[in-house]
Amino acid sequence: MQTLFTTADVRPEDRFRQWRELCEDRLVPMVQSSSSDEPFHAVIEGATVGSFVLTKFSLQNLRASTTPQTIRHKNNKTDHLFLSVVLSGSVKASQNDRSNIDRAGDLSVRDPNTPWTIEHEGYSEVLAIEIPRDRLERVLGSSRLFVGLGVGGHLPVTALARSFLNNLSQVSEQLTPEAAERMSATGIDLVAASIAERMAMEVPGSLRSSLTMQKAKSYIDNNIGNADLSPMQVSSAVGVSLRHLQVLFRESGHNIAAWIWHRRLENAARRLADPISAHMMLQEIAYRCGFSDQAHFSRRFRNQFGMSPSEYRHEALVRRANARTTSG
C-alpha cells in the first residue's frame, strides 16, 4: 500500500484539517473531532485491488459520525458499503440500533445511507474496504440485515477472511489487473461467508431467511458446472422445501431457475474475459458453465449481454490491449 498522508509531514495546526479532507475523500463525508487535547497523529495508506478500494488508517483519539446532512452530500458513496477490519486497538461503533466494540480481528460493515458513529480511544489501526453494495446484497439480502453487526474475529471464516484481506493489502502492488480482479472476487466471497456465519447466530426469522438465501446462492455458484443443477437440488442441499426457497427468491425479486441461468452466464462471461482462459474453446467454456448445447449457450448469452460469446471475448481482448497501451 502507498502512504497517502502522514501528520509527520504537516504543521500541527494543519494536521486535522488535511486529515479530514483526505479521510472523507477515501470514505464518505462525515463529522469528525479529536477526543484529546494532544497533538493529532495519523497515517493513511491506500491501494486499489480489482473492485476493492482499500484504505488503512492508523490514528488515535478520534470521533466520527455521519448525519442526515452528510448523507445528503453529493459526494456520499451510496452505491457502496464499507467493511471495517480492526487490525489493532479497538473501535466503538453504532449503526441501525446496533452498538458494539470491535477489537483486533473483528469485522463490521458500515452503510453510508444511514447514520453511524465510531470512536477510536487510544491508538488503533483499521483496514477499511470499499465494496460495491450489490456484490454483498446480491448474496446476503438487504444491508439492513447485517450492517452494524459485530463479526467476531474468533469465528473460523472471519479469521480466514481477515488474514486474506490483510495479506491482499500487502501484495496489492504486485498483482496484475486480472489477478487483482480475481482476488477481490475471492475476498468478497470470504466477507459474505463471514457475515453469513455471524448472521446465523441471530434469532429473527428475517436473518434465517437471508442465511438460507446465502447458502442457496453459494451452492449454485459452487455447482454451476453441473448441467443437471436444478431448483429441487438446491432446495435439498440447503434443507428447505422447494416451495419455501421459491418464495425466498421471489421476495428478493428473483426466480430461482432464472438465477441459475443468470449465474451460469456471468460465470461464462468472466471466463471469456479472463486471459487465463484464452486457450479454451467456446464449447469448453459453455460445458464448464453447465451448458450441454453450444447453440443454447450462444442464444442465452446474446440475450443477456447483447452480443455473441466470441464478440464478447474479442471486446475484452481489445479493452485489455487498450489498457496496456494507456498505462504504458
Protein backbone atom coordinates (compact mmCIF):
# COMPACT_ATOMS: atom_id res chain seq x y z
CA MET A 1 0.00 0.00 0.00
CA GLN A 2 1.12 3.55 -0.67
CA THR A 3 1.33 6.18 2.06
CA LEU A 4 -1.19 8.86 1.11
CA PHE A 5 -0.92 11.06 4.19
CA THR A 6 1.04 11.34 7.41
CA THR A 7 0.74 14.04 10.03
CA ALA A 8 4.52 13.87 10.45
CA ASP A 9 4.82 15.93 7.24
CA VAL A 10 2.26 18.58 8.24
CA ARG A 11 2.35 21.52 10.65
CA PRO A 12 0.40 20.71 13.84
CA GLU A 13 -2.20 23.42 13.18
CA ASP A 14 -2.97 21.99 9.71
CA ARG A 15 -2.95 18.29 10.54
CA PHE A 16 -6.56 17.68 11.42
CA ARG A 17 -7.93 19.70 8.51
CA GLN A 18 -5.80 17.84 5.95
CA TRP A 19 -6.58 14.53 7.60
CA ARG A 20 -10.30 15.23 7.46
CA GLU A 21 -10.22 16.20 3.79
CA LEU A 22 -8.34 13.10 2.63
CA CYS A 23 -10.18 10.78 5.00
CA GLU A 24 -13.54 11.92 3.66
CA ASP A 25 -12.29 11.57 0.09
CA ARG A 26 -11.34 7.93 0.78
CA LEU A 27 -14.55 7.20 2.68
CA VAL A 28 -17.62 9.46 2.83
CA PRO A 29 -18.49 12.95 4.12
CA MET A 30 -18.71 12.88 7.92
CA VAL A 31 -18.40 14.94 11.08
CA GLN A 32 -15.06 14.39 12.84
CA SER A 33 -13.43 15.65 16.01
CA SER A 34 -10.42 14.79 18.11
CA SER A 35 -11.22 13.38 21.54
CA SER A 36 -7.92 14.53 23.02
CA ASP A 37 -6.10 17.82 23.58
CA GLU A 38 -2.86 16.15 22.49
CA PRO A 39 -1.43 16.88 19.00
CA PHE A 40 -3.19 14.77 16.38
CA HIS A 41 -1.17 11.93 14.82
CA ALA A 42 -2.39 9.76 11.95
CA VAL A 43 -1.32 7.93 8.78
CA ILE A 44 -3.42 6.98 5.74
CA GLU A 45 -2.30 4.27 3.31
CA GLY A 46 -4.22 3.18 0.24
CA ALA A 47 -4.45 0.70 -2.63
CA THR A 48 -6.93 -0.48 -5.24
CA VAL A 49 -7.33 -4.21 -5.91
CA GLY A 50 -9.88 -5.09 -8.55
CA SER A 51 -13.26 -3.88 -7.31
CA PHE A 52 -11.80 -3.19 -3.84
CA VAL A 53 -10.62 0.22 -2.65
CA LEU A 54 -8.51 -0.41 0.45
CA THR A 55 -7.54 2.24 2.98
CA LYS A 56 -5.53 1.64 6.14
CA PHE A 57 -5.99 4.22 8.89
CA SER A 58 -3.52 4.48 11.78
CA LEU A 59 -4.79 7.03 14.30
CA GLN A 60 -5.67 7.83 17.87
CA ASN A 61 -8.42 9.56 19.81
CA LEU A 62 -10.97 10.29 17.09
CA ARG A 63 -14.75 10.57 16.97
CA ALA A 64 -16.56 10.43 13.62
CA SER A 65 -20.17 10.19 12.54
CA THR A 66 -22.43 10.51 9.55
CA THR A 67 -25.60 12.58 9.86
CA PRO A 68 -28.69 13.24 7.73
CA GLN A 69 -26.82 16.27 6.37
CA THR A 70 -23.64 14.40 5.39
CA ILE A 71 -25.70 11.55 3.92
CA ARG A 72 -27.32 14.04 1.54
CA HIS A 73 -23.92 15.35 0.42
CA LYS A 74 -23.26 14.92 -3.30
CA ASN A 75 -20.02 13.03 -2.59
CA ASN A 76 -21.69 10.35 -0.48
CA LYS A 77 -20.98 6.89 -1.95
CA THR A 78 -24.49 5.49 -1.76
CA ASP A 79 -23.78 2.53 -4.04
CA HIS A 80 -21.03 1.12 -1.82
CA LEU A 81 -20.67 -0.46 1.60
CA PHE A 82 -17.58 -0.21 3.80
CA LEU A 83 -16.02 -3.17 5.57
CA SER A 84 -14.04 -2.28 8.69
CA VAL A 85 -11.29 -4.69 9.79
CA VAL A 86 -9.71 -3.76 13.13
CA LEU A 87 -6.01 -4.62 12.98
CA SER A 88 -5.05 -3.26 16.41
CA GLY A 89 -6.70 -1.39 19.26
CA SER A 90 -10.47 -1.10 19.48
CA VAL A 91 -13.31 0.88 17.90
CA LYS A 92 -16.71 1.70 19.39
CA ALA A 93 -19.34 1.65 16.67
CA SER A 94 -23.08 2.18 16.39
CA GLN A 95 -25.45 1.92 13.42
CA ASN A 96 -29.01 0.70 12.80
CA ASP A 97 -29.71 0.34 16.55
CA ARG A 98 -26.71 -1.98 16.90
CA SER A 99 -23.79 -1.00 19.11
CA ASN A 100 -20.60 -2.91 19.69
CA ILE A 101 -16.91 -2.61 20.44
CA ASP A 102 -14.80 -4.02 17.61
CA ARG A 103 -11.43 -5.30 18.82
CA ALA A 104 -8.40 -6.51 16.92
CA GLY A 105 -9.51 -9.17 14.45
CA ASP A 106 -13.18 -8.17 14.35
CA LEU A 107 -15.10 -7.11 11.25
CA SER A 108 -18.15 -4.93 10.71
CA VAL A 109 -19.92 -3.29 7.77
CA ARG A 110 -20.96 0.36 7.56
CA ASP A 111 -23.69 1.68 5.27
CA PRO A 112 -23.24 5.30 4.07
CA ASN A 113 -27.01 5.60 3.61
CA THR A 114 -27.86 5.55 7.34
CA PRO A 115 -26.25 7.45 10.25
CA TRP A 116 -23.42 5.81 12.15
CA THR A 117 -20.91 6.80 14.83
CA ILE A 118 -17.44 5.46 15.59
CA GLU A 119 -14.94 6.29 18.29
CA HIS A 120 -11.24 5.42 18.46
CA GLU A 121 -10.00 5.59 22.06
CA GLY A 122 -6.23 5.48 22.17
CA TYR A 123 -4.25 4.15 19.22
CA SER A 124 -5.84 1.87 16.63
CA GLU A 125 -5.26 0.58 13.11
CA VAL A 126 -8.20 -0.15 10.83
CA LEU A 127 -8.36 -1.51 7.29
CA ALA A 128 -11.40 -0.05 5.51
CA ILE A 129 -12.53 -1.71 2.28
CA GLU A 130 -14.98 -0.09 -0.11
CA ILE A 131 -17.15 -2.82 -1.67
CA PRO A 132 -19.83 -2.42 -4.35
CA ARG A 133 -23.14 -2.65 -2.49
CA ASP A 134 -24.76 -5.04 -4.95
CA ARG A 135 -21.92 -7.57 -4.61
CA LEU A 136 -22.88 -8.20 -0.97
CA GLU A 137 -26.62 -7.58 -1.12
CA ARG A 138 -26.96 -9.99 -4.03
CA VAL A 139 -25.83 -12.79 -1.71
CA LEU A 140 -26.89 -11.64 1.77
CA GLY A 141 -30.02 -9.61 1.08
CA SER A 142 -30.67 -6.03 2.15
CA SER A 143 -27.79 -4.38 4.01
CA ARG A 144 -30.10 -3.53 6.91
CA LEU A 145 -29.91 -7.22 7.87
CA PHE A 146 -26.18 -7.14 8.59
CA VAL A 147 -24.92 -3.54 8.80
CA GLY A 148 -23.72 -2.80 12.33
CA LEU A 149 -23.35 -6.45 13.31
CA GLY A 150 -20.06 -7.10 15.07
CA VAL A 151 -18.40 -10.09 13.40
CA GLY A 152 -16.04 -11.64 15.95
CA GLY A 153 -12.50 -12.42 14.87
CA HIS A 154 -12.70 -15.74 16.74
CA LEU A 155 -15.16 -17.14 14.19
CA PRO A 156 -13.37 -19.54 11.79
CA VAL A 157 -14.42 -18.00 8.48
CA THR A 158 -13.82 -14.48 9.83
CA ALA A 159 -10.26 -15.40 10.79
CA LEU A 160 -9.68 -16.73 7.27
CA ALA A 161 -11.21 -13.62 5.66
CA ARG A 162 -9.20 -11.24 7.85
CA SER A 163 -5.93 -13.00 7.06
CA PHE A 164 -6.70 -12.99 3.33
CA LEU A 165 -7.65 -9.30 3.24
CA ASN A 166 -4.63 -8.22 5.28
CA ASN A 167 -2.28 -10.20 3.03
CA LEU A 168 -4.05 -8.83 -0.05
CA SER A 169 -3.39 -5.26 1.08
CA GLN A 170 0.32 -6.04 1.42
CA VAL A 171 0.78 -7.55 -2.07
CA SER A 172 -1.66 -5.28 -3.93
CA GLU A 173 1.02 -3.54 -6.00
CA GLN A 174 2.45 -6.86 -7.24
CA LEU A 175 -0.78 -8.17 -8.81
CA THR A 176 -1.70 -7.96 -12.48
CA PRO A 177 -5.10 -6.35 -13.18
CA GLU A 178 -6.55 -9.78 -13.99
CA ALA A 179 -5.21 -11.34 -10.78
CA ALA A 180 -6.39 -8.34 -8.75
CA GLU A 181 -9.93 -8.76 -10.06
CA ARG A 182 -9.95 -12.46 -9.21
CA MET A 183 -8.54 -11.81 -5.73
CA SER A 184 -11.13 -9.12 -4.98
CA ALA A 185 -13.88 -11.54 -6.04
CA THR A 186 -12.44 -14.15 -3.67
CA GLY A 187 -12.31 -11.53 -0.93
CA ILE A 188 -15.97 -10.64 -1.42
CA ASP A 189 -16.91 -14.32 -1.17
CA LEU A 190 -14.99 -14.63 2.11
CA VAL A 191 -16.53 -11.45 3.50
CA ALA A 192 -20.03 -12.67 2.60
CA ALA A 193 -19.33 -16.05 4.21
CA SER A 194 -18.05 -14.32 7.38
CA ILE A 195 -21.15 -12.16 7.65
CA ALA A 196 -23.41 -15.15 6.98
CA GLU A 197 -21.65 -17.09 9.74
CA ARG A 198 -22.39 -14.24 12.14
CA MET A 199 -25.97 -13.82 10.90
CA ALA A 200 -26.61 -17.48 11.66
CA MET A 201 -26.23 -16.59 15.34
CA GLU A 202 -29.16 -14.17 15.20
CA VAL A 203 -32.67 -15.28 16.14
CA PRO A 204 -35.03 -13.23 13.90
CA GLY A 205 -36.59 -15.14 11.04
CA SER A 206 -35.56 -12.48 8.53
CA LEU A 207 -31.92 -13.28 9.23
CA ARG A 208 -32.53 -17.03 8.97
CA SER A 209 -34.17 -16.46 5.60
CA SER A 210 -31.23 -14.35 4.46
CA LEU A 211 -28.82 -17.08 5.55
CA THR A 212 -30.82 -19.67 3.61
CA MET A 213 -30.58 -17.45 0.53
CA GLN A 214 -26.84 -17.06 1.01
CA LYS A 215 -26.41 -20.83 1.30
CA ALA A 216 -28.54 -21.41 -1.79
CA LYS A 217 -26.61 -18.89 -3.87
CA SER A 218 -23.28 -20.27 -2.68
CA TYR A 219 -24.40 -23.80 -3.55
CA ILE A 220 -25.42 -22.64 -7.03
CA ASP A 221 -22.06 -20.94 -7.60
CA ASN A 222 -20.13 -23.98 -6.35
CA ASN A 223 -22.07 -26.33 -8.64
CA ILE A 224 -22.52 -24.08 -11.66
CA GLY A 225 -20.71 -26.54 -13.93
CA ASN A 226 -23.31 -29.25 -13.29
CA ALA A 227 -25.68 -29.26 -16.26
CA ASP A 228 -28.27 -31.08 -14.12
CA LEU A 229 -28.33 -28.42 -11.38
CA SER A 230 -31.99 -27.72 -10.61
CA PRO A 231 -34.07 -25.74 -8.10
CA MET A 232 -35.06 -29.01 -6.42
CA GLN A 233 -31.42 -30.00 -5.97
CA VAL A 234 -30.61 -26.59 -4.47
CA SER A 235 -33.53 -26.71 -2.02
CA SER A 236 -32.50 -30.19 -0.91
CA ALA A 237 -28.90 -29.07 -0.38
CA VAL A 238 -29.88 -26.17 1.91
CA GLY A 239 -32.51 -28.17 3.79
CA VAL A 240 -35.74 -26.37 2.89
CA SER A 241 -38.70 -27.20 0.69
CA LEU A 242 -38.65 -26.13 -2.94
CA ARG A 243 -41.75 -24.02 -2.36
CA HIS A 244 -40.14 -22.18 0.56
CA LEU A 245 -36.98 -21.49 -1.43
CA GLN A 246 -39.03 -20.22 -4.37
CA VAL A 247 -40.81 -17.82 -2.01
CA LEU A 248 -37.48 -16.53 -0.65
CA PHE A 249 -36.13 -15.91 -4.14
CA ARG A 250 -39.37 -14.24 -5.19
CA GLU A 251 -39.24 -11.91 -2.16
CA SER A 252 -35.78 -10.77 -3.29
CA GLY A 253 -37.07 -10.10 -6.80
CA HIS A 254 -35.72 -13.23 -8.46
CA ASN A 255 -36.79 -16.60 -9.81
CA ILE A 256 -34.55 -19.47 -8.72
CA ALA A 257 -34.38 -21.15 -12.14
CA ALA A 258 -33.65 -17.83 -13.83
CA TRP A 259 -31.00 -17.12 -11.19
CA ILE A 260 -29.20 -20.36 -12.03
CA TRP A 261 -29.10 -19.42 -15.72
CA HIS A 262 -28.01 -15.88 -14.82
CA ARG A 263 -25.09 -17.17 -12.76
CA ARG A 264 -24.10 -19.65 -15.49
CA LEU A 265 -23.88 -16.77 -17.97
CA GLU A 266 -21.99 -14.47 -15.59
CA ASN A 267 -19.51 -17.28 -14.96
CA ALA A 268 -19.10 -17.76 -18.70
CA ALA A 269 -18.59 -14.02 -19.23
CA ARG A 270 -15.83 -13.96 -16.60
CA ARG A 271 -14.08 -16.87 -18.27
CA LEU A 272 -14.36 -15.26 -21.70
CA ALA A 273 -12.78 -12.05 -20.38
CA ASP A 274 -10.05 -13.84 -18.39
CA PRO A 275 -6.73 -14.18 -20.28
CA ILE A 276 -6.05 -17.38 -18.34
CA SER A 277 -8.96 -18.97 -20.24
CA ALA A 278 -7.88 -17.60 -23.63
CA HIS A 279 -6.83 -21.08 -24.79
CA MET A 280 -10.27 -22.58 -24.10
CA MET A 281 -12.71 -23.16 -26.95
CA LEU A 282 -16.17 -21.62 -26.62
CA GLN A 283 -17.69 -25.08 -26.42
CA GLU A 284 -15.47 -25.98 -23.45
CA ILE A 285 -16.39 -22.78 -21.61
CA ALA A 286 -20.07 -23.48 -22.24
CA TYR A 287 -19.68 -27.02 -20.90
CA ARG A 288 -17.82 -25.87 -17.76
CA CYS A 289 -20.61 -23.40 -17.04
CA GLY A 290 -23.32 -26.06 -17.20
CA PHE A 291 -24.46 -25.77 -20.82
CA SER A 292 -24.72 -29.04 -22.72
CA ASP A 293 -25.58 -27.39 -26.04
CA GLN A 294 -23.45 -24.62 -27.58
CA ALA A 295 -26.30 -23.18 -29.63
CA HIS A 296 -28.39 -22.85 -26.47
CA PHE A 297 -25.43 -21.21 -24.73
CA SER A 298 -24.88 -18.71 -27.56
CA ARG A 299 -28.57 -17.80 -27.70
CA ARG A 300 -28.88 -17.18 -23.95
CA PHE A 301 -25.56 -15.32 -23.86
CA ARG A 302 -26.64 -12.94 -26.61
CA ASN A 303 -29.97 -12.33 -24.85
CA GLN A 304 -28.20 -11.32 -21.63
CA PHE A 305 -25.15 -9.45 -22.96
CA GLY A 306 -26.33 -8.21 -26.35
CA MET A 307 -23.55 -9.94 -28.29
CA SER A 308 -22.26 -13.41 -29.08
CA PRO A 309 -19.68 -15.13 -26.82
CA SER A 310 -16.96 -14.69 -29.47
CA GLU A 311 -17.75 -10.98 -29.81
CA TYR A 312 -17.67 -10.58 -26.02
CA ARG A 313 -14.26 -12.29 -25.84
CA HIS A 314 -12.91 -10.08 -28.64
CA GLU A 315 -14.12 -6.88 -26.94
CA ALA A 316 -12.47 -7.95 -23.67
CA LEU A 317 -9.21 -8.58 -25.55
CA VAL A 318 -9.36 -5.12 -27.15
CA ARG A 319 -10.07 -3.46 -23.76
CA ARG A 320 -7.04 -5.16 -22.19
CA ALA A 321 -4.82 -4.14 -25.11
CA ASN A 322 -6.01 -0.53 -24.88
CA ALA A 323 -5.48 -0.51 -21.11
CA ARG A 324 -1.88 -1.71 -21.52
CA THR A 325 -1.25 0.93 -24.20
CA THR A 326 -2.65 3.68 -21.97
CA SER A 327 -0.71 2.57 -18.89
CA GLY A 328 2.45 2.19 -20.94
